Amino acid sequence: NTVYLQMNSLNVEDTGVYYCAGKYPLAVDFAA
């Protein structure tokens, strides 16, 4: 139950808070 994000060639514009989100089947929005 794990998701990964490999980020390469990072630049200054990639700075920020990164949020993990989850969406249930058939849902429109991310709820978690």
mmCIF file of all heavy atoms, coordinates in Angstrom:
data_MODEL
# 
_entry.id   MODEL 
# 
loop_
_atom_site.group_PDB 
_atom_site.id 
_atom_site.type_symbol 
_atom_site.label_atom_id 
_atom_site.label_alt_id 
_atom_site.label_comp_id 
_atom_site.label_asym_id 
_atom_site.label_entity_id 
_atom_site.label_seq_id 
_atom_site.pdbx_PDB_ins_code 
_atom_site.Cartn_x 
_atom_site.Cartn_y 
_atom_site.Cartn_z 
_atom_site.occupancy 
_atom_site.B_iso_or_equiv 
_atom_site.pdbx_formal_charge 
_atom_site.auth_seq_id 
_atom_site.auth_comp_id 
_atom_site.auth_asym_id 
_atom_site.auth_atom_id 
_atom_site.pdbx_PDB_model_num 
ATOM 1   N N   . ASN A 1 1  ? 0.836   -1.214 0.000   1.00 0.00 ? 1  ASN A N   1 
ATOM 2   C CA  . ASN A 1 1  ? 0.000   0.000  0.000   1.00 0.00 ? 1  ASN A CA  1 
ATOM 3   C C   . ASN A 1 1  ? 0.865   1.256  0.000   1.00 0.00 ? 1  ASN A C   1 
ATOM 4   O O   . ASN A 1 1  ? 0.617   2.206  0.752   1.00 0.00 ? 1  ASN A O   1 
ATOM 5   C CB  . ASN A 1 1  ? -0.939  0.018  1.224   1.00 0.00 ? 1  ASN A CB  1 
ATOM 6   C CG  . ASN A 1 1  ? -1.999  -1.056 1.146   1.00 0.00 ? 1  ASN A CG  1 
ATOM 7   O OD1 . ASN A 1 1  ? -2.440  -1.432 0.062   1.00 0.00 ? 1  ASN A OD1 1 
ATOM 8   N ND2 . ASN A 1 1  ? -2.402  -1.567 2.296   1.00 0.00 ? 1  ASN A ND2 1 
ATOM 9   N N   . THR A 1 2  ? 1.870   1.234  -0.827  1.00 0.00 ? 2  THR A N   1 
ATOM 10  C CA  . THR A 1 2  ? 2.846   2.329  -0.858  1.00 0.00 ? 2  THR A CA  1 
ATOM 11  C C   . THR A 1 2  ? 2.991   2.870  -2.276  1.00 0.00 ? 2  THR A C   1 
ATOM 12  O O   . THR A 1 2  ? 3.035   2.095  -3.242  1.00 0.00 ? 2  THR A O   1 
ATOM 13  C CB  . THR A 1 2  ? 4.211   1.849  -0.345  1.00 0.00 ? 2  THR A CB  1 
ATOM 14  O OG1 . THR A 1 2  ? 4.061   1.371  0.999   1.00 0.00 ? 2  THR A OG1 1 
ATOM 15  C CG2 . THR A 1 2  ? 5.224   2.984  -0.354  1.00 0.00 ? 2  THR A CG2 1 
ATOM 16  N N   . VAL A 1 3  ? 3.084   4.168  -2.359  1.00 0.00 ? 3  VAL A N   1 
ATOM 17  C CA  . VAL A 1 3  ? 3.335   4.827  -3.637  1.00 0.00 ? 3  VAL A CA  1 
ATOM 18  C C   . VAL A 1 3  ? 4.645   5.604  -3.514  1.00 0.00 ? 3  VAL A C   1 
ATOM 19  O O   . VAL A 1 3  ? 4.960   6.152  -2.453  1.00 0.00 ? 3  VAL A O   1 
ATOM 20  C CB  . VAL A 1 3  ? 2.167   5.753  -4.038  1.00 0.00 ? 3  VAL A CB  1 
ATOM 21  C CG1 . VAL A 1 3  ? 1.960   6.880  -3.041  1.00 0.00 ? 3  VAL A CG1 1 
ATOM 22  C CG2 . VAL A 1 3  ? 2.363   6.296  -5.453  1.00 0.00 ? 3  VAL A CG2 1 
ATOM 23  N N   . TYR A 1 4  ? 5.386   5.642  -4.611  1.00 0.00 ? 4  TYR A N   1 
ATOM 24  C CA  . TYR A 1 4  ? 6.672   6.306  -4.634  1.00 0.00 ? 4  TYR A CA  1 
ATOM 25  C C   . TYR A 1 4  ? 6.669   7.380  -5.723  1.00 0.00 ? 4  TYR A C   1 
ATOM 26  O O   . TYR A 1 4  ? 5.967   7.268  -6.733  1.00 0.00 ? 4  TYR A O   1 
ATOM 27  C CB  . TYR A 1 4  ? 7.789   5.306  -4.934  1.00 0.00 ? 4  TYR A CB  1 
ATOM 28  C CG  . TYR A 1 4  ? 7.815   4.119  -4.013  1.00 0.00 ? 4  TYR A CG  1 
ATOM 29  C CD1 . TYR A 1 4  ? 7.211   2.916  -4.372  1.00 0.00 ? 4  TYR A CD1 1 
ATOM 30  C CD2 . TYR A 1 4  ? 8.428   4.194  -2.763  1.00 0.00 ? 4  TYR A CD2 1 
ATOM 31  C CE1 . TYR A 1 4  ? 7.217   1.829  -3.527  1.00 0.00 ? 4  TYR A CE1 1 
ATOM 32  C CE2 . TYR A 1 4  ? 8.444   3.107  -1.913  1.00 0.00 ? 4  TYR A CE2 1 
ATOM 33  C CZ  . TYR A 1 4  ? 7.844   1.921  -2.298  1.00 0.00 ? 4  TYR A CZ  1 
ATOM 34  O OH  . TYR A 1 4  ? 7.849   0.841  -1.452  1.00 0.00 ? 4  TYR A OH  1 
ATOM 35  N N   . LEU A 1 5  ? 7.508   8.371  -5.509  1.00 0.00 ? 5  LEU A N   1 
ATOM 36  C CA  . LEU A 1 5  ? 7.723   9.381  -6.543  1.00 0.00 ? 5  LEU A CA  1 
ATOM 37  C C   . LEU A 1 5  ? 9.229   9.597  -6.664  1.00 0.00 ? 5  LEU A C   1 
ATOM 38  O O   . LEU A 1 5  ? 9.847   10.153 -5.758  1.00 0.00 ? 5  LEU A O   1 
ATOM 39  C CB  . LEU A 1 5  ? 7.023   10.695 -6.205  1.00 0.00 ? 5  LEU A CB  1 
ATOM 40  C CG  . LEU A 1 5  ? 7.119   11.764 -7.286  1.00 0.00 ? 5  LEU A CG  1 
ATOM 41  C CD1 . LEU A 1 5  ? 6.292   11.354 -8.517  1.00 0.00 ? 5  LEU A CD1 1 
ATOM 42  C CD2 . LEU A 1 5  ? 6.636   13.121 -6.761  1.00 0.00 ? 5  LEU A CD2 1 
ATOM 43  N N   . GLN A 1 6  ? 9.778   9.126  -7.754  1.00 0.00 ? 6  GLN A N   1 
ATOM 44  C CA  . GLN A 1 6  ? 11.188  9.342  -8.040  1.00 0.00 ? 6  GLN A CA  1 
ATOM 45  C C   . GLN A 1 6  ? 11.313  10.644 -8.828  1.00 0.00 ? 6  GLN A C   1 
ATOM 46  O O   . GLN A 1 6  ? 10.740  10.769 -9.912  1.00 0.00 ? 6  GLN A O   1 
ATOM 47  C CB  . GLN A 1 6  ? 11.765  8.183  -8.853  1.00 0.00 ? 6  GLN A CB  1 
ATOM 48  C CG  . GLN A 1 6  ? 13.221  8.365  -9.246  1.00 0.00 ? 6  GLN A CG  1 
ATOM 49  C CD  . GLN A 1 6  ? 14.145  8.371  -8.045  1.00 0.00 ? 6  GLN A CD  1 
ATOM 50  O OE1 . GLN A 1 6  ? 13.998  7.550  -7.141  1.00 0.00 ? 6  GLN A OE1 1 
ATOM 51  N NE2 . GLN A 1 6  ? 15.107  9.292  -8.031  1.00 0.00 ? 6  GLN A NE2 1 
ATOM 52  N N   . MET A 1 7  ? 12.052  11.585 -8.262  1.00 0.00 ? 7  MET A N   1 
ATOM 53  C CA  . MET A 1 7  ? 12.179  12.902 -8.874  1.00 0.00 ? 7  MET A CA  1 
ATOM 54  C C   . MET A 1 7  ? 13.625  13.120 -9.297  1.00 0.00 ? 7  MET A C   1 
ATOM 55  O O   . MET A 1 7  ? 14.522  13.136 -8.446  1.00 0.00 ? 7  MET A O   1 
ATOM 56  C CB  . MET A 1 7  ? 11.751  13.990 -7.878  1.00 0.00 ? 7  MET A CB  1 
ATOM 57  C CG  . MET A 1 7  ? 10.352  13.779 -7.328  1.00 0.00 ? 7  MET A CG  1 
ATOM 58  S SD  . MET A 1 7  ? 9.794   15.136 -6.275  1.00 0.00 ? 7  MET A SD  1 
ATOM 59  C CE  . MET A 1 7  ? 10.907  14.937 -4.882  1.00 0.00 ? 7  MET A CE  1 
ATOM 60  N N   . ASN A 1 8  ? 13.835  13.275 -10.573 1.00 0.00 ? 8  ASN A N   1 
ATOM 61  C CA  . ASN A 1 8  ? 15.160  13.504 -11.125 1.00 0.00 ? 8  ASN A CA  1 
ATOM 62  C C   . ASN A 1 8  ? 15.235  14.874 -11.787 1.00 0.00 ? 8  ASN A C   1 
ATOM 63  O O   . ASN A 1 8  ? 14.214  15.493 -12.091 1.00 0.00 ? 8  ASN A O   1 
ATOM 64  C CB  . ASN A 1 8  ? 15.494  12.425 -12.152 1.00 0.00 ? 8  ASN A CB  1 
ATOM 65  C CG  . ASN A 1 8  ? 15.534  11.037 -11.561 1.00 0.00 ? 8  ASN A CG  1 
ATOM 66  O OD1 . ASN A 1 8  ? 15.892  10.846 -10.398 1.00 0.00 ? 8  ASN A OD1 1 
ATOM 67  N ND2 . ASN A 1 8  ? 15.169  10.045 -12.368 1.00 0.00 ? 8  ASN A ND2 1 
ATOM 68  N N   . SER A 1 9  ? 16.453  15.336 -12.008 1.00 0.00 ? 9  SER A N   1 
ATOM 69  C CA  . SER A 1 9  ? 16.682  16.632 -12.669 1.00 0.00 ? 9  SER A CA  1 
ATOM 70  C C   . SER A 1 9  ? 15.853  17.735 -12.012 1.00 0.00 ? 9  SER A C   1 
ATOM 71  O O   . SER A 1 9  ? 15.187  18.521 -12.681 1.00 0.00 ? 9  SER A O   1 
ATOM 72  C CB  . SER A 1 9  ? 16.337  16.534 -14.163 1.00 0.00 ? 9  SER A CB  1 
ATOM 73  O OG  . SER A 1 9  ? 17.115  15.547 -14.803 1.00 0.00 ? 9  SER A OG  1 
ATOM 74  N N   . LEU A 1 10 ? 15.905  17.772 -10.704 1.00 0.00 ? 10 LEU A N   1 
ATOM 75  C CA  . LEU A 1 10 ? 15.104  18.750 -9.968  1.00 0.00 ? 10 LEU A CA  1 
ATOM 76  C C   . LEU A 1 10 ? 15.580  20.166 -10.250 1.00 0.00 ? 10 LEU A C   1 
ATOM 77  O O   . LEU A 1 10 ? 16.781  20.420 -10.438 1.00 0.00 ? 10 LEU A O   1 
ATOM 78  C CB  . LEU A 1 10 ? 15.176  18.462 -8.472  1.00 0.00 ? 10 LEU A CB  1 
ATOM 79  C CG  . LEU A 1 10 ? 14.349  17.253 -8.013  1.00 0.00 ? 10 LEU A CG  1 
ATOM 80  C CD1 . LEU A 1 10 ? 14.829  16.736 -6.679  1.00 0.00 ? 10 LEU A CD1 1 
ATOM 81  C CD2 . LEU A 1 10 ? 12.877  17.618 -7.947  1.00 0.00 ? 10 LEU A CD2 1 
ATOM 82  N N   . ASN A 1 11 ? 14.638  21.077 -10.292 1.00 0.00 ? 11 ASN A N   1 
ATOM 83  C CA  . ASN A 1 11 ? 14.973  22.488 -10.440 1.00 0.00 ? 11 ASN A CA  1 
ATOM 84  C C   . ASN A 1 11 ? 14.260  23.299 -9.368  1.00 0.00 ? 11 ASN A C   1 
ATOM 85  O O   . ASN A 1 11 ? 13.401  22.774 -8.633  1.00 0.00 ? 11 ASN A O   1 
ATOM 86  C CB  . ASN A 1 11 ? 14.646  22.977 -11.851 1.00 0.00 ? 11 ASN A CB  1 
ATOM 87  C CG  . ASN A 1 11 ? 13.203  22.749 -12.230 1.00 0.00 ? 11 ASN A CG  1 
ATOM 88  O OD1 . ASN A 1 11 ? 12.291  23.204 -11.525 1.00 0.00 ? 11 ASN A OD1 1 
ATOM 89  N ND2 . ASN A 1 11 ? 12.973  22.046 -13.337 1.00 0.00 ? 11 ASN A ND2 1 
ATOM 90  N N   . VAL A 1 12 ? 14.617  24.561 -9.269  1.00 0.00 ? 12 VAL A N   1 
ATOM 91  C CA  . VAL A 1 12 ? 14.107  25.411 -8.199  1.00 0.00 ? 12 VAL A CA  1 
ATOM 92  C C   . VAL A 1 12 ? 12.577  25.468 -8.220  1.00 0.00 ? 12 VAL A C   1 
ATOM 93  O O   . VAL A 1 12 ? 11.933  25.544 -7.166  1.00 0.00 ? 12 VAL A O   1 
ATOM 94  C CB  . VAL A 1 12 ? 14.709  26.821 -8.306  1.00 0.00 ? 12 VAL A CB  1 
ATOM 95  C CG1 . VAL A 1 12 ? 14.085  27.763 -7.291  1.00 0.00 ? 12 VAL A CG1 1 
ATOM 96  C CG2 . VAL A 1 12 ? 16.214  26.778 -8.124  1.00 0.00 ? 12 VAL A CG2 1 
ATOM 97  N N   . GLU A 1 13 ? 12.010  25.386 -9.411  1.00 0.00 ? 13 GLU A N   1 
ATOM 98  C CA  . GLU A 1 13 ? 10.541  25.466 -9.539  1.00 0.00 ? 13 GLU A CA  1 
ATOM 99  C C   . GLU A 1 13 ? 9.835   24.238 -8.972  1.00 0.00 ? 13 GLU A C   1 
ATOM 100 O O   . GLU A 1 13 ? 8.616   24.248 -8.819  1.00 0.00 ? 13 GLU A O   1 
ATOM 101 C CB  . GLU A 1 13 ? 10.147  25.647 -11.010 1.00 0.00 ? 13 GLU A CB  1 
ATOM 102 C CG  . GLU A 1 13 ? 10.474  27.023 -11.597 1.00 0.00 ? 13 GLU A CG  1 
ATOM 103 C CD  . GLU A 1 13 ? 11.954  27.212 -11.838 1.00 0.00 ? 13 GLU A CD  1 
ATOM 104 O OE1 . GLU A 1 13 ? 12.663  26.220 -12.128 1.00 0.00 ? 13 GLU A OE1 1 
ATOM 105 O OE2 . GLU A 1 13 ? 12.420  28.374 -11.721 1.00 0.00 ? 13 GLU A OE2 1 
ATOM 106 N N   . ASP A 1 14 ? 10.581  23.205 -8.649  1.00 0.00 ? 14 ASP A N   1 
ATOM 107 C CA  . ASP A 1 14 ? 9.988   22.011 -8.039  1.00 0.00 ? 14 ASP A CA  1 
ATOM 108 C C   . ASP A 1 14 ? 9.840   22.152 -6.525  1.00 0.00 ? 14 ASP A C   1 
ATOM 109 O O   . ASP A 1 14 ? 9.282   21.275 -5.869  1.00 0.00 ? 14 ASP A O   1 
ATOM 110 C CB  . ASP A 1 14 ? 10.833  20.774 -8.346  1.00 0.00 ? 14 ASP A CB  1 
ATOM 111 C CG  . ASP A 1 14 ? 10.863  20.432 -9.817  1.00 0.00 ? 14 ASP A CG  1 
ATOM 112 O OD1 . ASP A 1 14 ? 9.793   20.457 -10.460 1.00 0.00 ? 14 ASP A OD1 1 
ATOM 113 O OD2 . ASP A 1 14 ? 11.960  20.125 -10.333 1.00 0.00 ? 14 ASP A OD2 1 
ATOM 114 N N   . THR A 1 15 ? 10.334  23.233 -5.974  1.00 0.00 ? 15 THR A N   1 
ATOM 115 C CA  . THR A 1 15 ? 10.229  23.466 -4.536  1.00 0.00 ? 15 THR A CA  1 
ATOM 116 C C   . THR A 1 15 ? 8.772   23.599 -4.114  1.00 0.00 ? 15 THR A C   1 
ATOM 117 O O   . THR A 1 15 ? 7.980   24.258 -4.776  1.00 0.00 ? 15 THR A O   1 
ATOM 118 C CB  . THR A 1 15 ? 10.995  24.740 -4.152  1.00 0.00 ? 15 THR A CB  1 
ATOM 119 O OG1 . THR A 1 15 ? 12.394  24.526 -4.385  1.00 0.00 ? 15 THR A OG1 1 
ATOM 120 C CG2 . THR A 1 15 ? 10.788  25.095 -2.689  1.00 0.00 ? 15 THR A CG2 1 
ATOM 121 N N   . GLY A 1 16 ? 8.440   22.971 -2.988  1.00 0.00 ? 16 GLY A N   1 
ATOM 122 C CA  . GLY A 1 16 ? 7.087   23.068 -2.472  1.00 0.00 ? 16 GLY A CA  1 
ATOM 123 C C   . GLY A 1 16 ? 6.808   21.967 -1.477  1.00 0.00 ? 16 GLY A C   1 
ATOM 124 O O   . GLY A 1 16 ? 7.682   21.146 -1.174  1.00 0.00 ? 16 GLY A O   1 
ATOM 125 N N   . VAL A 1 17 ? 5.597   21.963 -0.983  1.00 0.00 ? 17 VAL A N   1 
ATOM 126 C CA  . VAL A 1 17 ? 5.137   20.872 -0.121  1.00 0.00 ? 17 VAL A CA  1 
ATOM 127 C C   . VAL A 1 17 ? 4.462   19.834 -1.010  1.00 0.00 ? 17 VAL A C   1 
ATOM 128 O O   . VAL A 1 17 ? 3.560   20.178 -1.784  1.00 0.00 ? 17 VAL A O   1 
ATOM 129 C CB  . VAL A 1 17 ? 4.173   21.383 0.960   1.00 0.00 ? 17 VAL A CB  1 
ATOM 130 C CG1 . VAL A 1 17 ? 3.696   20.213 1.820   1.00 0.00 ? 17 VAL A CG1 1 
ATOM 131 C CG2 . VAL A 1 17 ? 4.840   22.442 1.824   1.00 0.00 ? 17 VAL A CG2 1 
ATOM 132 N N   . TYR A 1 18 ? 4.900   18.618 -0.889  1.00 0.00 ? 18 TYR A N   1 
ATOM 133 C CA  . TYR A 1 18 ? 4.366   17.532 -1.690  1.00 0.00 ? 18 TYR A CA  1 
ATOM 134 C C   . TYR A 1 18 ? 3.391   16.718 -0.837  1.00 0.00 ? 18 TYR A C   1 
ATOM 135 O O   . TYR A 1 18 ? 3.748   16.254 0.253   1.00 0.00 ? 18 TYR A O   1 
ATOM 136 C CB  . TYR A 1 18 ? 5.498   16.651 -2.210  1.00 0.00 ? 18 TYR A CB  1 
ATOM 137 C CG  . TYR A 1 18 ? 6.225   17.291 -3.376  1.00 0.00 ? 18 TYR A CG  1 
ATOM 138 C CD1 . TYR A 1 18 ? 6.982   18.442 -3.199  1.00 0.00 ? 18 TYR A CD1 1 
ATOM 139 C CD2 . TYR A 1 18 ? 6.136   16.754 -4.654  1.00 0.00 ? 18 TYR A CD2 1 
ATOM 140 C CE1 . TYR A 1 18 ? 7.630   19.049 -4.274  1.00 0.00 ? 18 TYR A CE1 1 
ATOM 141 C CE2 . TYR A 1 18 ? 6.779   17.342 -5.729  1.00 0.00 ? 18 TYR A CE2 1 
ATOM 142 C CZ  . TYR A 1 18 ? 7.526   18.484 -5.534  1.00 0.00 ? 18 TYR A CZ  1 
ATOM 143 O OH  . TYR A 1 18 ? 8.162   19.080 -6.597  1.00 0.00 ? 18 TYR A OH  1 
ATOM 144 N N   . TYR A 1 19 ? 2.201   16.556 -1.363  1.00 0.00 ? 19 TYR A N   1 
ATOM 145 C CA  . TYR A 1 19 ? 1.139   15.854 -0.656  1.00 0.00 ? 19 TYR A CA  1 
ATOM 146 C C   . TYR A 1 19 ? 0.809   14.553 -1.372  1.00 0.00 ? 19 TYR A C   1 
ATOM 147 O O   . TYR A 1 19 ? 0.651   14.521 -2.598  1.00 0.00 ? 19 TYR A O   1 
ATOM 148 C CB  . TYR A 1 19 ? -0.128  16.695 -0.591  1.00 0.00 ? 19 TYR A CB  1 
ATOM 149 C CG  . TYR A 1 19 ? 0.018   17.982 0.177   1.00 0.00 ? 19 TYR A CG  1 
ATOM 150 C CD1 . TYR A 1 19 ? 0.377   19.162 -0.466  1.00 0.00 ? 19 TYR A CD1 1 
ATOM 151 C CD2 . TYR A 1 19 ? -0.216  18.025 1.549   1.00 0.00 ? 19 TYR A CD2 1 
ATOM 152 C CE1 . TYR A 1 19 ? 0.507   20.350 0.235   1.00 0.00 ? 19 TYR A CE1 1 
ATOM 153 C CE2 . TYR A 1 19 ? -0.094  19.213 2.263   1.00 0.00 ? 19 TYR A CE2 1 
ATOM 154 C CZ  . TYR A 1 19 ? 0.274   20.363 1.594   1.00 0.00 ? 19 TYR A CZ  1 
ATOM 155 O OH  . TYR A 1 19 ? 0.396   21.535 2.287   1.00 0.00 ? 19 TYR A OH  1 
ATOM 156 N N   . CYS A 1 20 ? 0.659   13.519 -0.583  1.00 0.00 ? 20 CYS A N   1 
ATOM 157 C CA  . CYS A 1 20 ? 0.139   12.255 -1.092  1.00 0.00 ? 20 CYS A CA  1 
ATOM 158 C C   . CYS A 1 20 ? -1.381  12.293 -0.979  1.00 0.00 ? 20 CYS A C   1 
ATOM 159 O O   . CYS A 1 20 ? -1.928  12.827 0.003   1.00 0.00 ? 20 CYS A O   1 
ATOM 160 C CB  . CYS A 1 20 ? 0.710   11.116 -0.265  1.00 0.00 ? 20 CYS A CB  1 
ATOM 161 S SG  . CYS A 1 20 ? 0.201   9.468  -0.777  1.00 0.00 ? 20 CYS A SG  1 
ATOM 162 N N   . ALA A 1 21 ? -2.048  11.744 -1.966  1.00 0.00 ? 21 ALA A N   1 
ATOM 163 C CA  . ALA A 1 21 ? -3.504  11.768 -1.972  1.00 0.00 ? 21 ALA A CA  1 
ATOM 164 C C   . ALA A 1 21 ? -4.044  10.446 -2.483  1.00 0.00 ? 21 ALA A C   1 
ATOM 165 O O   . ALA A 1 21 ? -3.398  9.758  -3.280  1.00 0.00 ? 21 ALA A O   1 
ATOM 166 C CB  . ALA A 1 21 ? -4.015  12.914 -2.840  1.00 0.00 ? 21 ALA A CB  1 
ATOM 167 N N   . GLY A 1 22 ? -5.249  10.107 -2.031  1.00 0.00 ? 22 GLY A N   1 
ATOM 168 C CA  . GLY A 1 22 ? -5.869  8.863  -2.444  1.00 0.00 ? 22 GLY A CA  1 
ATOM 169 C C   . GLY A 1 22 ? -7.303  9.076  -2.896  1.00 0.00 ? 22 GLY A C   1 
ATOM 170 O O   . GLY A 1 22 ? -8.003  9.952  -2.375  1.00 0.00 ? 22 GLY A O   1 
ATOM 171 N N   . LYS A 1 23 ? -7.707  8.289  -3.872  1.00 0.00 ? 23 LYS A N   1 
ATOM 172 C CA  . LYS A 1 23 ? -9.055  8.404  -4.418  1.00 0.00 ? 23 LYS A CA  1 
ATOM 173 C C   . LYS A 1 23 ? -9.670  7.010  -4.516  1.00 0.00 ? 23 LYS A C   1 
ATOM 174 O O   . LYS A 1 23 ? -9.009  6.058  -4.969  1.00 0.00 ? 23 LYS A O   1 
ATOM 175 C CB  . LYS A 1 23 ? -9.008  9.055  -5.795  1.00 0.00 ? 23 LYS A CB  1 
ATOM 176 C CG  . LYS A 1 23 ? -10.355 9.333  -6.410  1.00 0.00 ? 23 LYS A CG  1 
ATOM 177 C CD  . LYS A 1 23 ? -10.255 10.272 -7.610  1.00 0.00 ? 23 LYS A CD  1 
ATOM 178 C CE  . LYS A 1 23 ? -9.507  9.693  -8.754  1.00 0.00 ? 23 LYS A CE  1 
ATOM 179 N NZ  . LYS A 1 23 ? -9.613  10.509 -9.976  1.00 0.00 ? 23 LYS A NZ  1 
ATOM 180 N N   . TYR A 1 24 ? -10.928 6.910  -4.108  1.00 0.00 ? 24 TYR A N   1 
ATOM 181 C CA  . TYR A 1 24 ? -11.632 5.639  -4.139  1.00 0.00 ? 24 TYR A CA  1 
ATOM 182 C C   . TYR A 1 24 ? -12.188 5.380  -5.537  1.00 0.00 ? 24 TYR A C   1 
ATOM 183 O O   . TYR A 1 24 ? -12.353 6.314  -6.327  1.00 0.00 ? 24 TYR A O   1 
ATOM 184 C CB  . TYR A 1 24 ? -12.739 5.652  -3.093  1.00 0.00 ? 24 TYR A CB  1 
ATOM 185 C CG  . TYR A 1 24 ? -12.195 5.762  -1.680  1.00 0.00 ? 24 TYR A CG  1 
ATOM 186 C CD1 . TYR A 1 24 ? -12.155 6.993  -1.032  1.00 0.00 ? 24 TYR A CD1 1 
ATOM 187 C CD2 . TYR A 1 24 ? -11.701 4.642  -1.010  1.00 0.00 ? 24 TYR A CD2 1 
ATOM 188 C CE1 . TYR A 1 24 ? -11.638 7.110  0.244   1.00 0.00 ? 24 TYR A CE1 1 
ATOM 189 C CE2 . TYR A 1 24 ? -11.184 4.748  0.266   1.00 0.00 ? 24 TYR A CE2 1 
ATOM 190 C CZ  . TYR A 1 24 ? -11.156 5.985  0.887   1.00 0.00 ? 24 TYR A CZ  1 
ATOM 191 O OH  . TYR A 1 24 ? -10.638 6.091  2.152   1.00 0.00 ? 24 TYR A OH  1 
ATOM 192 N N   . PRO A 1 25 ? -12.475 4.128  -5.842  1.00 0.00 ? 25 PRO A N   1 
ATOM 193 C CA  . PRO A 1 25 ? -13.013 3.805  -7.172  1.00 0.00 ? 25 PRO A CA  1 
ATOM 194 C C   . PRO A 1 25 ? -14.267 4.602  -7.482  1.00 0.00 ? 25 PRO A C   1 
ATOM 195 O O   . PRO A 1 25 ? -15.111 4.791  -6.610  1.00 0.00 ? 25 PRO A O   1 
ATOM 196 C CB  . PRO A 1 25 ? -13.332 2.306  -7.069  1.00 0.00 ? 25 PRO A CB  1 
ATOM 197 C CG  . PRO A 1 25 ? -12.436 1.806  -6.004  1.00 0.00 ? 25 PRO A CG  1 
ATOM 198 C CD  . PRO A 1 25 ? -12.293 2.918  -5.026  1.00 0.00 ? 25 PRO A CD  1 
ATOM 199 N N   . LEU A 1 26 ? -14.368 5.095  -8.682  1.00 0.00 ? 26 LEU A N   1 
ATOM 200 C CA  . LEU A 1 26 ? -15.511 5.848  -9.223  1.00 0.00 ? 26 LEU A CA  1 
ATOM 201 C C   . LEU A 1 26 ? -15.647 7.243  -8.602  1.00 0.00 ? 26 LEU A C   1 
ATOM 202 O O   . LEU A 1 26 ? -16.530 7.992  -8.966  1.00 0.00 ? 26 LEU A O   1 
ATOM 203 C CB  . LEU A 1 26 ? -16.828 5.074  -9.047  1.00 0.00 ? 26 LEU A CB  1 
ATOM 204 C CG  . LEU A 1 26 ? -16.863 3.665  -9.651  1.00 0.00 ? 26 LEU A CG  1 
ATOM 205 C CD1 . LEU A 1 26 ? -18.215 3.024  -9.422  1.00 0.00 ? 26 LEU A CD1 1 
ATOM 206 C CD2 . LEU A 1 26 ? -16.523 3.718  -11.135 1.00 0.00 ? 26 LEU A CD2 1 
ATOM 207 N N   . ALA A 1 27 ? -14.779 7.570  -7.664  1.00 0.00 ? 27 ALA A N   1 
ATOM 208 C CA  . ALA A 1 27 ? -14.861 8.905  -7.063  1.00 0.00 ? 27 ALA A CA  1 
ATOM 209 C C   . ALA A 1 27 ? -14.280 9.945  -8.011  1.00 0.00 ? 27 ALA A C   1 
ATOM 210 O O   . ALA A 1 27 ? -13.389 9.653  -8.804  1.00 0.00 ? 27 ALA A O   1 
ATOM 211 C CB  . ALA A 1 27 ? -14.117 8.936  -5.740  1.00 0.00 ? 27 ALA A CB  1 
ATOM 212 N N   . VAL A 1 28 ? -14.787 11.154 -7.908  1.00 0.00 ? 28 VAL A N   1 
ATOM 213 C CA  . VAL A 1 28 ? -14.285 12.241 -8.744  1.00 0.00 ? 28 VAL A CA  1 
ATOM 214 C C   . VAL A 1 28 ? -13.086 12.915 -8.078  1.00 0.00 ? 28 VAL A C   1 
ATOM 215 O O   . VAL A 1 28 ? -12.090 13.238 -8.726  1.00 0.00 ? 28 VAL A O   1 
ATOM 216 C CB  . VAL A 1 28 ? -15.395 13.275 -9.002  1.00 0.00 ? 28 VAL A CB  1 
ATOM 217 C CG1 . VAL A 1 28 ? -14.832 14.492 -9.746  1.00 0.00 ? 28 VAL A CG1 1 
ATOM 218 C CG2 . VAL A 1 28 ? -16.533 12.644 -9.778  1.00 0.00 ? 28 VAL A CG2 1 
ATOM 219 N N   . ASP A 1 29 ? -13.205 13.122 -6.789  1.00 0.00 ? 29 ASP A N   1 
ATOM 220 C CA  . ASP A 1 29 ? -12.181 13.876 -6.069  1.00 0.00 ? 29 ASP A CA  1 
ATOM 221 C C   . ASP A 1 29 ? -11.313 12.959 -5.213  1.00 0.00 ? 29 ASP A C   1 
ATOM 222 O O   . ASP A 1 29 ? -11.724 11.869 -4.815  1.00 0.00 ? 29 ASP A O   1 
ATOM 223 C CB  . ASP A 1 29 ? -12.839 14.922 -5.168  1.00 0.00 ? 29 ASP A CB  1 
ATOM 224 C CG  . ASP A 1 29 ? -13.619 15.951 -5.959  1.00 0.00 ? 29 ASP A CG  1 
ATOM 225 O OD1 . ASP A 1 29 ? -13.146 16.343 -7.040  1.00 0.00 ? 29 ASP A OD1 1 
ATOM 226 O OD2 . ASP A 1 29 ? -14.704 16.350 -5.493  1.00 0.00 ? 29 ASP A OD2 1 
ATOM 227 N N   . PHE A 1 30 ? -10.119 13.459 -4.910  1.00 0.00 ? 30 PHE A N   1 
ATOM 228 C CA  . PHE A 1 30 ? -9.252  12.778 -3.957  1.00 0.00 ? 30 PHE A CA  1 
ATOM 229 C C   . PHE A 1 30 ? -9.777  13.079 -2.550  1.00 0.00 ? 30 PHE A C   1 
ATOM 230 O O   . PHE A 1 30 ? -9.913  14.238 -2.168  1.00 0.00 ? 30 PHE A O   1 
ATOM 231 C CB  . PHE A 1 30 ? -7.813  13.275 -4.120  1.00 0.00 ? 30 PHE A CB  1 
ATOM 232 C CG  . PHE A 1 30 ? -7.125  12.672 -5.303  1.00 0.00 ? 30 PHE A CG  1 
ATOM 233 C CD1 . PHE A 1 30 ? -7.341  13.173 -6.582  1.00 0.00 ? 30 PHE A CD1 1 
ATOM 234 C CD2 . PHE A 1 30 ? -6.278  11.581 -5.156  1.00 0.00 ? 30 PHE A CD2 1 
ATOM 235 C CE1 . PHE A 1 30 ? -6.718  12.606 -7.681  1.00 0.00 ? 30 PHE A CE1 1 
ATOM 236 C CE2 . PHE A 1 30 ? -5.651  11.013 -6.245  1.00 0.00 ? 30 PHE A CE2 1 
ATOM 237 C CZ  . PHE A 1 30 ? -5.868  11.520 -7.516  1.00 0.00 ? 30 PHE A CZ  1 
ATOM 238 N N   . ALA A 1 31 ? -10.071 12.012 -1.801  1.00 0.00 ? 31 ALA A N   1 
ATOM 239 C CA  . ALA A 1 31 ? -10.698 12.171 -0.498  1.00 0.00 ? 31 ALA A CA  1 
ATOM 240 C C   . ALA A 1 31 ? -9.718  12.054 0.658   1.00 0.00 ? 31 ALA A C   1 
ATOM 241 O O   . ALA A 1 31 ? -9.990  12.551 1.748   1.00 0.00 ? 31 ALA A O   1 
ATOM 242 C CB  . ALA A 1 31 ? -11.800 11.130 -0.327  1.00 0.00 ? 31 ALA A CB  1 
ATOM 243 N N   . ALA A 1 32 ? -8.611  11.379 0.444   1.00 0.00 ? 32 ALA A N   1 
ATOM 244 C CA  . ALA A 1 32 ? -7.638  11.161 1.507   1.00 0.00 ? 32 ALA A CA  1 
ATOM 245 C C   . ALA A 1 32 ? -6.371  11.943 1.193   1.00 0.00 ? 32 ALA A C   1 
ATOM 246 O O   . ALA A 1 32 ? -5.883  11.917 0.054   1.00 0.00 ? 32 ALA A O   1 
ATOM 247 C CB  . ALA A 1 32 ? -7.310  9.681  1.633   1.00 0.00 ? 32 ALA A CB  1 
# 
